[in-house]
Amino acid sequence: MVGMTFTLVVAACGTASSGNQNSVIGHGLGGTVFSSYPSSEDFYKLPSHLDSGSPGTLIRIQTISNANGLMTLRVMYHSRDTFGHDAAVTGVITYPTSAAPKGGWPVVAWDHGTSGMSQSCAPSRSSGPISTFGVRGVGVATDYLGMGPDGEILPYLNRMTEAEATIDIVRAARQIPDAHASAT
């Protein structure tokens, strides 16, 4: 029974949209740099040499969409594995493109439940904005360690790596000047 359930969960997410195939290199009003990759699949290839970085430090940014007053970005950022080693994690950040309130936009972190173990199940491989559940602000969603970048191992249901990845994508959102993510 467990094997059948696992198969259905993995099969359910099967293929996901590859997102924006032609990102544009540019600078946002606050100075955010948007990287260009020939396809979203190239985005997930780790750099040949990845320097260690502080948790939440951005490695890459790719535009998914800019529509209806919301910018949605695919991001790769530094986090930590169970042993405290540096690791690259991917996720999605969505923020309003309108003027931010004093102190910045509130940040709403969304953690996905069990969606399968295939990389195609990662939220950043879809093309939609992250919900903020009625709160006007910055929405962030991590793929969790090992679910996004190629060649990494998913420590399935490891609460520490999932928590670290969530905290670190909030830190990453705060590094994007155009997001105006609140520090509180």
C-alpha atoms as a PDB file:
ATOM      1  CA  MET A   1       0.000   0.000   0.000  1.00  0.00           C
ATOM      2  CA  VAL A   2       2.811   2.425   0.864  1.00  0.00           C
ATOM      3  CA  GLY A   3       4.535   1.722  -2.453  1.00  0.00           C
ATOM      4  CA  MET A   4       1.348   2.449  -4.389  1.00  0.00           C
ATOM      5  CA  THR A   5       0.794   5.716  -2.506  1.00  0.00           C
ATOM      6  CA  PHE A   6       4.364   6.800  -3.220  1.00  0.00           C
ATOM      7  CA  THR A   7       3.970   6.019  -6.919  1.00  0.00           C
ATOM      8  CA  LEU A   8       0.777   8.054  -7.143  1.00  0.00           C
ATOM      9  CA  VAL A   9       2.339  11.056  -5.401  1.00  0.00           C
ATOM     10  CA  VAL A  10       5.377  11.047  -7.688  1.00  0.00           C
ATOM     11  CA  ALA A  11       3.262  10.508 -10.795  1.00  0.00           C
ATOM     12  CA  ALA A  12       0.862  13.284  -9.790  1.00  0.00           C
ATOM     13  CA  CYS A  13       3.416  16.014 -10.333  1.00  0.00           C
ATOM     14  CA  GLY A  14       4.883  14.327 -13.447  1.00  0.00           C
ATOM     15  CA  THR A  15       5.815  17.246 -15.644  1.00  0.00           C
ATOM     16  CA  ALA A  16       5.678  20.877 -14.756  1.00  0.00           C
ATOM     17  CA  SER A  17       5.783  23.966 -16.862  1.00  0.00           C
ATOM     18  CA  SER A  18       9.321  25.027 -17.634  1.00  0.00           C
ATOM     19  CA  GLY A  19       8.433  28.648 -17.020  1.00  0.00           C
ATOM     20  CA  ASN A  20       9.772  31.598 -18.937  1.00  0.00           C
ATOM     21  CA  GLN A  21      12.089  30.391 -21.669  1.00  0.00           C
ATOM     22  CA  ASN A  22      13.446  33.840 -22.569  1.00  0.00           C
ATOM     23  CA  SER A  23      14.262  35.847 -19.475  1.00  0.00           C
ATOM     24  CA  VAL A  24      15.546  39.317 -20.121  1.00  0.00           C
ATOM     25  CA  ILE A  25      18.686  40.712 -18.555  1.00  0.00           C
ATOM     26  CA  GLY A  26      17.844  43.970 -16.900  1.00  0.00           C
ATOM     27  CA  HIS A  27      17.791  46.027 -13.758  1.00  0.00           C
ATOM     28  CA  GLY A  28      14.716  46.765 -11.715  1.00  0.00           C
ATOM     29  CA  LEU A  29      13.984  50.158 -10.221  1.00  0.00           C
ATOM     30  CA  GLY A  30      15.696  49.184  -6.961  1.00  0.00           C
ATOM     31  CA  GLY A  31      18.723  47.691  -8.709  1.00  0.00           C
ATOM     32  CA  THR A  32      17.712  44.018  -8.795  1.00  0.00           C
ATOM     33  CA  VAL A  33      19.611  42.153 -11.497  1.00  0.00           C
ATOM     34  CA  PHE A  34      17.647  39.585 -13.448  1.00  0.00           C
ATOM     35  CA  SER A  35      19.789  36.827 -14.931  1.00  0.00           C
ATOM     36  CA  SER A  36      19.169  35.337 -18.341  1.00  0.00           C
ATOM     37  CA  TYR A  37      19.251  31.604 -18.927  1.00  0.00           C
ATOM     38  CA  PRO A  38      18.409  29.920 -22.234  1.00  0.00           C
ATOM     39  CA  SER A  39      15.816  27.798 -20.425  1.00  0.00           C
ATOM     40  CA  SER A  40      14.576  27.227 -16.922  1.00  0.00           C
ATOM     41  CA  GLU A  41      16.307  23.829 -16.993  1.00  0.00           C
ATOM     42  CA  ASP A  42      19.720  25.583 -17.243  1.00  0.00           C
ATOM     43  CA  PHE A  43      18.799  27.555 -14.159  1.00  0.00           C
ATOM     44  CA  TYR A  44      18.940  24.388 -12.037  1.00  0.00           C
ATOM     45  CA  LYS A  45      22.497  23.430 -13.034  1.00  0.00           C
ATOM     46  CA  LEU A  46      24.838  24.282 -10.196  1.00  0.00           C
ATOM     47  CA  PRO A  47      27.724  26.600 -11.044  1.00  0.00           C
ATOM     48  CA  SER A  48      30.937  24.661 -11.780  1.00  0.00           C
ATOM     49  CA  HIS A  49      32.459  26.306  -8.708  1.00  0.00           C
ATOM     50  CA  LEU A  50      30.075  27.387  -5.988  1.00  0.00           C
ATOM     51  CA  ASP A  51      31.726  29.549  -3.359  1.00  0.00           C
ATOM     52  CA  SER A  52      30.390  29.142   0.152  1.00  0.00           C
ATOM     53  CA  GLY A  53      27.892  31.795   1.121  1.00  0.00           C
ATOM     54  CA  SER A  54      25.950  32.949   4.131  1.00  0.00           C
ATOM     55  CA  PRO A  55      22.476  31.438   4.504  1.00  0.00           C
ATOM     56  CA  GLY A  56      20.054  33.305   2.265  1.00  0.00           C
ATOM     57  CA  THR A  57      22.714  34.762  -0.044  1.00  0.00           C
ATOM     58  CA  LEU A  58      21.417  34.792  -3.603  1.00  0.00           C
ATOM     59  CA  ILE A  59      23.241  32.758  -6.246  1.00  0.00           C
ATOM     60  CA  ARG A  60      20.875  33.278  -9.205  1.00  0.00           C
ATOM     61  CA  ILE A  61      17.654  35.045 -10.074  1.00  0.00           C
ATOM     62  CA  GLN A  62      15.449  34.361 -13.079  1.00  0.00           C
ATOM     63  CA  THR A  63      12.213  36.108 -14.029  1.00  0.00           C
ATOM     64  CA  ILE A  64       9.194  33.808 -14.204  1.00  0.00           C
ATOM     65  CA  SER A  65       6.573  36.502 -14.808  1.00  0.00           C
ATOM     66  CA  ASN A  66       5.764  40.181 -14.410  1.00  0.00           C
ATOM     67  CA  ALA A  67       2.007  40.522 -14.646  1.00  0.00           C
ATOM     68  CA  ASN A  68      -0.962  41.990 -12.766  1.00  0.00           C
ATOM     69  CA  GLY A  69       1.270  44.116 -10.552  1.00  0.00           C
ATOM     70  CA  LEU A  70       3.324  41.146  -9.342  1.00  0.00           C
ATOM     71  CA  MET A  71       6.892  40.154 -10.134  1.00  0.00           C
ATOM     72  CA  THR A  72       7.609  36.440  -9.741  1.00  0.00           C
ATOM     73  CA  LEU A  73      11.202  35.234  -9.624  1.00  0.00           C
ATOM     74  CA  ARG A  74      12.866  31.846  -9.549  1.00  0.00           C
ATOM     75  CA  VAL A  75      15.804  32.036  -7.134  1.00  0.00           C
ATOM     76  CA  MET A  76      18.789  29.917  -6.142  1.00  0.00           C
ATOM     77  CA  TYR A  77      20.259  30.735  -2.754  1.00  0.00           C
ATOM     78  CA  HIS A  78      22.587  29.395  -0.065  1.00  0.00           C
ATOM     79  CA  SER A  79      21.245  27.310   2.818  1.00  0.00           C
ATOM     80  CA  ARG A  80      22.569  24.536   5.068  1.00  0.00           C
ATOM     81  CA  ASP A  81      22.153  20.776   5.148  1.00  0.00           C
ATOM     82  CA  THR A  82      21.619  18.693   8.292  1.00  0.00           C
ATOM     83  CA  PHE A  83      25.344  18.776   9.046  1.00  0.00           C
ATOM     84  CA  GLY A  84      25.642  22.549   8.620  1.00  0.00           C
ATOM     85  CA  HIS A  85      27.319  22.338   5.212  1.00  0.00           C
ATOM     86  CA  ASP A  86      26.614  24.987   2.593  1.00  0.00           C
ATOM     87  CA  ALA A  87      24.105  23.919  -0.064  1.00  0.00           C
ATOM     88  CA  ALA A  88      22.266  25.542  -2.965  1.00  0.00           C
ATOM     89  CA  VAL A  89      18.469  25.585  -2.695  1.00  0.00           C
ATOM     90  CA  THR A  90      15.887  26.937  -5.136  1.00  0.00           C
ATOM     91  CA  GLY A  91      12.499  28.550  -4.676  1.00  0.00           C
ATOM     92  CA  VAL A  92      10.107  31.276  -5.793  1.00  0.00           C
ATOM     93  CA  ILE A  93       9.654  34.867  -4.650  1.00  0.00           C
ATOM     94  CA  THR A  94       6.647  36.993  -5.666  1.00  0.00           C
ATOM     95  CA  TYR A  95       6.338  40.654  -4.758  1.00  0.00           C
ATOM     96  CA  PRO A  96       4.134  43.648  -5.650  1.00  0.00           C
ATOM     97  CA  THR A  97       5.632  46.050  -8.177  1.00  0.00           C
ATOM     98  CA  SER A  98       3.787  49.018  -6.664  1.00  0.00           C
ATOM     99  CA  ALA A  99       5.219  51.343  -4.033  1.00  0.00           C
ATOM    100  CA  ALA A 100       5.864  49.569  -0.737  1.00  0.00           C
ATOM    101  CA  PRO A 101       4.467  50.803   2.568  1.00  0.00           C
ATOM    102  CA  LYS A 102       6.794  52.381   5.130  1.00  0.00           C
ATOM    103  CA  GLY A 103       8.966  49.593   6.544  1.00  0.00           C
ATOM    104  CA  GLY A 104       8.481  47.385   3.489  1.00  0.00           C
ATOM    105  CA  TRP A 105       6.076  44.629   2.505  1.00  0.00           C
ATOM    106  CA  PRO A 106       5.287  41.868   4.999  1.00  0.00           C
ATOM    107  CA  VAL A 107       6.763  38.504   3.999  1.00  0.00           C
ATOM    108  CA  VAL A 108       4.546  35.404   3.853  1.00  0.00           C
ATOM    109  CA  ALA A 109       6.418  32.093   3.642  1.00  0.00           C
ATOM    110  CA  TRP A 110       4.550  29.132   2.163  1.00  0.00           C
ATOM    111  CA  ASP A 111       5.912  25.618   2.753  1.00  0.00           C
ATOM    112  CA  HIS A 112       4.537  22.981   0.426  1.00  0.00           C
ATOM    113  CA  GLY A 113       3.457  19.616   1.744  1.00  0.00           C
ATOM    114  CA  THR A 114       4.495  16.294   0.303  1.00  0.00           C
ATOM    115  CA  SER A 115       4.459  16.814  -3.430  1.00  0.00           C
ATOM    116  CA  GLY A 116       6.666  13.933  -4.535  1.00  0.00           C
ATOM    117  CA  MET A 117      10.400  13.427  -4.688  1.00  0.00           C
ATOM    118  CA  SER A 118      10.970  14.204  -8.356  1.00  0.00           C
ATOM    119  CA  GLN A 119      12.595  17.520  -9.257  1.00  0.00           C
ATOM    120  CA  SER A 120       9.589  18.225 -11.471  1.00  0.00           C
ATOM    121  CA  CYS A 121       7.530  18.500  -8.260  1.00  0.00           C
ATOM    122  CA  ALA A 122       9.467  21.535  -7.027  1.00  0.00           C
ATOM    123  CA  PRO A 123       7.270  24.678  -6.758  1.00  0.00           C
ATOM    124  CA  SER A 124       9.874  26.764  -8.607  1.00  0.00           C
ATOM    125  CA  ARG A 125       9.388  24.615 -11.709  1.00  0.00           C
ATOM    126  CA  SER A 126       5.823  25.887 -12.088  1.00  0.00           C
ATOM    127  CA  SER A 127       5.132  29.320 -13.502  1.00  0.00           C
ATOM    128  CA  GLY A 128       2.646  30.829 -11.065  1.00  0.00           C
ATOM    129  CA  PRO A 129       3.038  33.490  -8.396  1.00  0.00           C
ATOM    130  CA  ILE A 130       3.237  32.514  -4.731  1.00  0.00           C
ATOM    131  CA  SER A 131       0.052  33.128  -2.767  1.00  0.00           C
ATOM    132  CA  THR A 132       0.186  35.472   0.200  1.00  0.00           C
ATOM    133  CA  PHE A 133      -3.236  34.277   1.375  1.00  0.00           C
ATOM    134  CA  GLY A 134      -4.885  37.686   1.187  1.00  0.00           C
ATOM    135  CA  VAL A 135      -1.982  39.630   2.679  1.00  0.00           C
ATOM    136  CA  ARG A 136      -0.557  42.222   0.286  1.00  0.00           C
ATOM    137  CA  GLY A 137       3.152  41.540   0.474  1.00  0.00           C
ATOM    138  CA  VAL A 138       6.054  39.354  -0.558  1.00  0.00           C
ATOM    139  CA  GLY A 139       5.336  35.643  -0.996  1.00  0.00           C
ATOM    140  CA  VAL A 140       8.176  33.135  -0.750  1.00  0.00           C
ATOM    141  CA  ALA A 141       8.227  29.361  -1.277  1.00  0.00           C
ATOM    142  CA  THR A 142      11.248  27.115  -1.014  1.00  0.00           C
ATOM    143  CA  ASP A 143      11.697  23.902  -2.968  1.00  0.00           C
ATOM    144  CA  TYR A 144      13.582  22.520   0.070  1.00  0.00           C
ATOM    145  CA  LEU A 145      17.107  21.171  -0.051  1.00  0.00           C
ATOM    146  CA  GLY A 146      17.698  18.654  -2.826  1.00  0.00           C
ATOM    147  CA  MET A 147      14.462  19.183  -4.724  1.00  0.00           C
ATOM    148  CA  GLY A 148      15.570  21.944  -7.086  1.00  0.00           C
ATOM    149  CA  PRO A 149      19.223  22.039  -8.187  1.00  0.00           C
ATOM    150  CA  ASP A 150      20.513  19.156 -10.282  1.00  0.00           C
ATOM    151  CA  GLY A 151      22.641  16.565  -8.526  1.00  0.00           C
ATOM    152  CA  GLU A 152      21.520  17.189  -4.957  1.00  0.00           C
ATOM    153  CA  ILE A 153      19.897  14.611  -2.692  1.00  0.00           C
ATOM    154  CA  LEU A 154      16.517  15.282  -1.112  1.00  0.00           C
ATOM    155  CA  PRO A 155      16.575  14.568   2.651  1.00  0.00           C
ATOM    156  CA  TYR A 156      12.865  13.776   2.511  1.00  0.00           C
ATOM    157  CA  LEU A 157      10.822  15.163   5.427  1.00  0.00           C
ATOM    158  CA  ASN A 158      13.843  16.461   7.337  1.00  0.00           C
ATOM    159  CA  ARG A 159      12.365  19.221   9.467  1.00  0.00           C
ATOM    160  CA  MET A 160      15.699  20.949  10.110  1.00  0.00           C
ATOM    161  CA  THR A 161      16.685  21.353   6.454  1.00  0.00           C
ATOM    162  CA  GLU A 162      13.113  22.357   5.562  1.00  0.00           C
ATOM    163  CA  ALA A 163      13.077  25.001   8.309  1.00  0.00           C
ATOM    164  CA  GLU A 164      16.514  26.320   7.308  1.00  0.00           C
ATOM    165  CA  ALA A 165      15.488  26.538   3.636  1.00  0.00           C
ATOM    166  CA  THR A 166      12.338  28.479   4.589  1.00  0.00           C
ATOM    167  CA  ILE A 167      14.170  30.939   6.827  1.00  0.00           C
ATOM    168  CA  ASP A 168      16.867  31.376   4.184  1.00  0.00           C
ATOM    169  CA  ILE A 169      14.450  32.181   1.337  1.00  0.00           C
ATOM    170  CA  VAL A 170      13.023  34.963   3.528  1.00  0.00           C
ATOM    171  CA  ARG A 171      16.602  36.241   3.886  1.00  0.00           C
ATOM    172  CA  ALA A 172      17.026  35.960   0.105  1.00  0.00           C
ATOM    173  CA  ALA A 173      13.864  38.019  -0.508  1.00  0.00           C
ATOM    174  CA  ARG A 174      15.306  40.766   1.677  1.00  0.00           C
ATOM    175  CA  GLN A 175      18.331  40.947  -0.653  1.00  0.00           C
ATOM    176  CA  ILE A 176      16.174  41.889  -3.642  1.00  0.00           C
ATOM    177  CA  PRO A 177      15.886  45.687  -3.456  1.00  0.00           C
ATOM    178  CA  ASP A 178      12.783  45.829  -5.682  1.00  0.00           C
ATOM    179  CA  ALA A 179      10.911  43.423  -3.371  1.00  0.00           C
ATOM    180  CA  HIS A 180      11.051  45.868  -0.438  1.00  0.00           C
ATOM    181  CA  ALA A 181      10.682  42.901   1.936  1.00  0.00           C
ATOM    182  CA  SER A 182      10.192  43.970   5.522  1.00  0.00           C
ATOM    183  CA  ALA A 183      12.970  43.192   7.966  1.00  0.00           C
ATOM    184  CA  THR A 184      10.448  42.437  10.714  1.00  0.00           C
END
